Amino acid sequence: MADTQVKQEIAHVEGVDGRDSDREAFDEFTPAEEKRIKRRIDRRLVTTCGVMYCISLIDRTNLSSAAIAGMNEDLVLIGDRYRQ
């Protein structure tokens, strides 16, 4: 009785319950579903990264335009920070 209980506890800690969980994860979706999921993830990532790049580009452009307009002296910019 105690030996069976120890085996169950070890199996529970290791996550072994007689099934190959890695294999089940691969068998969960068909190849067509996997392709659709990957495209959806790729579309979201590319869109998000593109928007972040555009914002970064706009910010860099605005900072250089502000420096040309003389805002460095107004804001007392020192390096990459400003002081009030």
N, C-alpha and C. Protein backbone atom coordinates (compact mmCIF):
# COMPACT_ATOMS: atom_id res chain seq x y z
N MET A 1 0.82 -1.18 0.00
CA MET A 1 0.00 0.00 0.00
C MET A 1 0.86 1.25 0.00
N ALA A 2 1.86 1.32 0.84
CA ALA A 2 2.72 2.49 0.92
C ALA A 2 3.54 2.65 -0.35
N ASP A 3 3.96 1.52 -0.95
CA ASP A 3 4.75 1.57 -2.18
C ASP A 3 3.94 2.15 -3.33
N THR A 4 2.67 1.80 -3.42
CA THR A 4 1.80 2.33 -4.47
C THR A 4 1.58 3.82 -4.27
N GLN A 5 1.42 4.24 -3.04
CA GLN A 5 1.21 5.65 -2.75
C GLN A 5 2.44 6.47 -3.10
N VAL A 6 3.64 5.94 -2.83
CA VAL A 6 4.88 6.63 -3.17
C VAL A 6 5.00 6.76 -4.67
N LYS A 7 4.68 5.71 -5.42
CA LYS A 7 4.74 5.76 -6.89
C LYS A 7 3.77 6.80 -7.44
N GLN A 8 2.58 6.88 -6.85
CA GLN A 8 1.61 7.87 -7.31
C GLN A 8 2.11 9.29 -7.03
N GLU A 9 2.72 9.49 -5.87
CA GLU A 9 3.25 10.81 -5.54
C GLU A 9 4.39 11.20 -6.48
N ILE A 10 5.27 10.24 -6.79
CA ILE A 10 6.38 10.52 -7.72
C ILE A 10 5.82 10.83 -9.10
N ALA A 11 4.84 10.05 -9.54
CA ALA A 11 4.25 10.29 -10.85
C ALA A 11 3.57 11.66 -10.89
N HIS A 12 2.95 12.04 -9.79
CA HIS A 12 2.29 13.34 -9.74
C HIS A 12 3.31 14.48 -9.78
N VAL A 13 4.40 14.34 -9.07
CA VAL A 13 5.43 15.38 -9.05
C VAL A 13 6.10 15.49 -10.40
N GLU A 14 6.37 14.38 -11.05
CA GLU A 14 7.05 14.39 -12.35
C GLU A 14 6.10 14.69 -13.50
N GLY A 15 4.82 14.62 -13.24
CA GLY A 15 3.84 14.89 -14.29
C GLY A 15 3.63 13.70 -15.20
N VAL A 16 3.99 12.52 -14.74
CA VAL A 16 3.84 11.31 -15.55
C VAL A 16 2.55 10.62 -15.14
N ASP A 17 1.62 10.56 -16.04
CA ASP A 17 0.37 9.88 -15.73
C ASP A 17 0.04 8.83 -16.79
N GLY A 18 1.07 8.33 -17.46
CA GLY A 18 0.84 7.29 -18.46
C GLY A 18 0.63 7.84 -19.86
N ARG A 19 0.59 9.15 -20.00
CA ARG A 19 0.41 9.75 -21.32
C ARG A 19 1.63 10.56 -21.68
N ASP A 20 1.90 10.65 -22.95
CA ASP A 20 3.00 11.47 -23.43
C ASP A 20 2.45 12.85 -23.71
N SER A 21 2.60 13.77 -22.76
CA SER A 21 1.98 15.09 -22.88
C SER A 21 2.55 15.89 -24.05
N ASP A 22 3.85 15.72 -24.36
CA ASP A 22 4.42 16.43 -25.50
C ASP A 22 3.79 15.97 -26.80
N ARG A 23 3.58 14.70 -26.92
CA ARG A 23 3.00 14.15 -28.15
C ARG A 23 1.55 14.62 -28.29
N GLU A 24 0.83 14.69 -27.18
CA GLU A 24 -0.56 15.14 -27.23
C GLU A 24 -0.65 16.59 -27.68
N ALA A 25 0.31 17.40 -27.29
CA ALA A 25 0.31 18.80 -27.69
C ALA A 25 0.46 18.93 -29.20
N PHE A 26 1.26 18.05 -29.80
CA PHE A 26 1.44 18.11 -31.25
C PHE A 26 0.23 17.55 -31.98
N ASP A 27 -0.45 16.59 -31.39
CA ASP A 27 -1.60 15.98 -32.04
C ASP A 27 -2.88 16.78 -31.84
N GLU A 28 -2.83 17.84 -31.05
CA GLU A 28 -4.02 18.60 -30.72
C GLU A 28 -4.57 19.37 -31.91
N PHE A 29 -3.71 19.87 -32.80
CA PHE A 29 -4.14 20.66 -33.94
C PHE A 29 -3.77 19.96 -35.24
N THR A 30 -4.60 20.16 -36.25
CA THR A 30 -4.28 19.63 -37.57
C THR A 30 -3.26 20.57 -38.22
N PRO A 31 -2.57 20.11 -39.25
CA PRO A 31 -1.60 21.00 -39.92
C PRO A 31 -2.23 22.28 -40.46
N ALA A 32 -3.46 22.20 -40.94
CA ALA A 32 -4.14 23.40 -41.44
C ALA A 32 -4.41 24.38 -40.31
N GLU A 33 -4.81 23.85 -39.15
CA GLU A 33 -5.06 24.72 -38.00
C GLU A 33 -3.76 25.35 -37.51
N GLU A 34 -2.69 24.57 -37.48
CA GLU A 34 -1.39 25.10 -37.06
C GLU A 34 -0.96 26.24 -37.98
N LYS A 35 -1.15 26.06 -39.28
CA LYS A 35 -0.77 27.09 -40.25
C LYS A 35 -1.58 28.36 -40.03
N ARG A 36 -2.88 28.19 -39.77
CA ARG A 36 -3.75 29.34 -39.53
C ARG A 36 -3.36 30.08 -38.25
N ILE A 37 -3.03 29.34 -37.21
CA ILE A 37 -2.62 29.94 -35.94
C ILE A 37 -1.31 30.69 -36.10
N LYS A 38 -0.35 30.08 -36.80
CA LYS A 38 0.95 30.73 -37.03
C LYS A 38 0.78 32.01 -37.82
N ARG A 39 -0.06 32.00 -38.84
CA ARG A 39 -0.29 33.21 -39.63
C ARG A 39 -0.92 34.31 -38.79
N ARG A 40 -1.87 33.93 -37.93
CA ARG A 40 -2.52 34.91 -37.07
C ARG A 40 -1.52 35.54 -36.11
N ILE A 41 -0.66 34.72 -35.51
CA ILE A 41 0.36 35.23 -34.60
C ILE A 41 1.34 36.12 -35.36
N ASP A 42 1.80 35.66 -36.53
CA ASP A 42 2.73 36.45 -37.33
C ASP A 42 2.12 37.79 -37.71
N ARG A 43 0.86 37.78 -38.11
CA ARG A 43 0.20 39.02 -38.51
C ARG A 43 0.15 40.00 -37.34
N ARG A 44 -0.18 39.51 -36.16
CA ARG A 44 -0.25 40.39 -35.00
C ARG A 44 1.13 40.92 -34.61
N LEU A 45 2.14 40.05 -34.66
CA LEU A 45 3.49 40.49 -34.29
C LEU A 45 4.04 41.51 -35.27
N VAL A 46 3.87 41.26 -36.56
CA VAL A 46 4.39 42.18 -37.58
C VAL A 46 3.67 43.51 -37.48
N THR A 47 2.37 43.49 -37.27
CA THR A 47 1.61 44.74 -37.14
C THR A 47 2.07 45.52 -35.91
N THR A 48 2.21 44.84 -34.78
CA THR A 48 2.64 45.50 -33.55
C THR A 48 4.04 46.08 -33.70
N CYS A 49 4.96 45.30 -34.25
CA CYS A 49 6.33 45.78 -34.44
C CYS A 49 6.36 46.95 -35.42
N GLY A 50 5.55 46.90 -36.47
CA GLY A 50 5.49 48.00 -37.43
C GLY A 50 4.99 49.28 -36.81
N VAL A 51 3.95 49.18 -35.99
CA VAL A 51 3.43 50.37 -35.31
C VAL A 51 4.46 50.93 -34.35
N MET A 52 5.13 50.06 -33.61
CA MET A 52 6.16 50.53 -32.67
C MET A 52 7.32 51.20 -33.42
N TYR A 53 7.70 50.67 -34.57
CA TYR A 53 8.77 51.28 -35.36
C TYR A 53 8.34 52.65 -35.87
N CYS A 54 7.10 52.76 -36.34
CA CYS A 54 6.60 54.06 -36.82
C CYS A 54 6.61 55.10 -35.71
N ILE A 55 6.18 54.72 -34.52
CA ILE A 55 6.18 55.66 -33.40
C ILE A 55 7.61 56.07 -33.06
N SER A 56 8.53 55.12 -33.08
CA SER A 56 9.93 55.42 -32.81
C SER A 56 10.48 56.40 -33.85
N LEU A 57 10.16 56.18 -35.11
CA LEU A 57 10.63 57.06 -36.17
C LEU A 57 10.06 58.47 -36.02
N ILE A 58 8.78 58.56 -35.70
CA ILE A 58 8.16 59.86 -35.50
C ILE A 58 8.81 60.58 -34.32
N ASP A 59 9.08 59.86 -33.25
CA ASP A 59 9.70 60.45 -32.07
C ASP A 59 11.09 60.98 -32.38
N ARG A 60 11.88 60.19 -33.11
CA ARG A 60 13.23 60.66 -33.47
C ARG A 60 13.18 61.88 -34.37
N THR A 61 12.23 61.90 -35.29
CA THR A 61 12.09 63.03 -36.20
C THR A 61 11.68 64.28 -35.43
N ASN A 62 10.74 64.12 -34.51
CA ASN A 62 10.28 65.27 -33.72
C ASN A 62 11.39 65.81 -32.83
N LEU A 63 12.20 64.96 -32.27
CA LEU A 63 13.28 65.41 -31.40
C LEU A 63 14.31 66.22 -32.18
N SER A 64 14.65 65.75 -33.37
CA SER A 64 15.62 66.51 -34.16
C SER A 64 15.02 67.83 -34.64
N SER A 65 13.74 67.84 -34.98
CA SER A 65 13.08 69.09 -35.38
C SER A 65 13.03 70.07 -34.22
N ALA A 66 12.79 69.57 -33.03
CA ALA A 66 12.76 70.44 -31.85
C ALA A 66 14.13 71.01 -31.56
N ALA A 67 15.18 70.22 -31.77
CA ALA A 67 16.54 70.70 -31.54
C ALA A 67 16.88 71.82 -32.53
N ILE A 68 16.46 71.66 -33.78
CA ILE A 68 16.71 72.69 -34.79
C ILE A 68 15.95 73.96 -34.45
N ALA A 69 14.75 73.83 -33.90
CA ALA A 69 13.93 74.99 -33.56
C ALA A 69 14.42 75.71 -32.30
N GLY A 70 15.42 75.16 -31.62
CA GLY A 70 15.98 75.84 -30.47
C GLY A 70 15.40 75.41 -29.13
N MET A 71 14.72 74.29 -29.08
CA MET A 71 14.12 73.86 -27.82
C MET A 71 15.15 73.25 -26.87
N ASN A 72 16.34 72.94 -27.35
CA ASN A 72 17.39 72.42 -26.47
C ASN A 72 17.69 73.42 -25.35
N GLU A 73 17.79 74.68 -25.73
CA GLU A 73 18.08 75.70 -24.74
C GLU A 73 16.88 75.94 -23.83
N ASP A 74 15.68 75.92 -24.39
CA ASP A 74 14.48 76.14 -23.59
C ASP A 74 14.27 75.04 -22.55
N LEU A 75 14.54 73.80 -22.95
CA LEU A 75 14.33 72.67 -22.05
C LEU A 75 15.57 72.30 -21.25
N VAL A 76 16.68 72.96 -21.50
CA VAL A 76 17.96 72.69 -20.87
C VAL A 76 18.29 71.20 -21.01
N LEU A 77 18.31 70.75 -22.26
CA LEU A 77 18.62 69.34 -22.54
C LEU A 77 20.10 69.08 -22.28
N ILE A 78 20.37 68.02 -21.53
CA ILE A 78 21.73 67.61 -21.24
C ILE A 78 21.84 66.15 -21.65
N GLY A 79 22.56 65.86 -22.70
CA GLY A 79 22.68 64.48 -23.17
C GLY A 79 21.33 63.97 -23.67
N ASP A 80 20.87 62.90 -23.06
CA ASP A 80 19.59 62.34 -23.48
C ASP A 80 18.53 62.52 -22.39
N ARG A 81 18.65 63.54 -21.57
CA ARG A 81 17.67 63.86 -20.53
C ARG A 81 17.47 65.37 -20.50
N TYR A 82 16.49 65.81 -19.76
CA TYR A 82 16.27 67.25 -19.62
C TYR A 82 16.09 67.62 -18.16
N ARG A 83 16.36 68.87 -17.86
CA ARG A 83 16.28 69.37 -16.50
C ARG A 83 15.28 70.51 -16.48
N GLN A 84 14.54 70.62 -15.41
CA GLN A 84 13.52 71.67 -15.31
C GLN A 84 14.07 72.94 -14.74
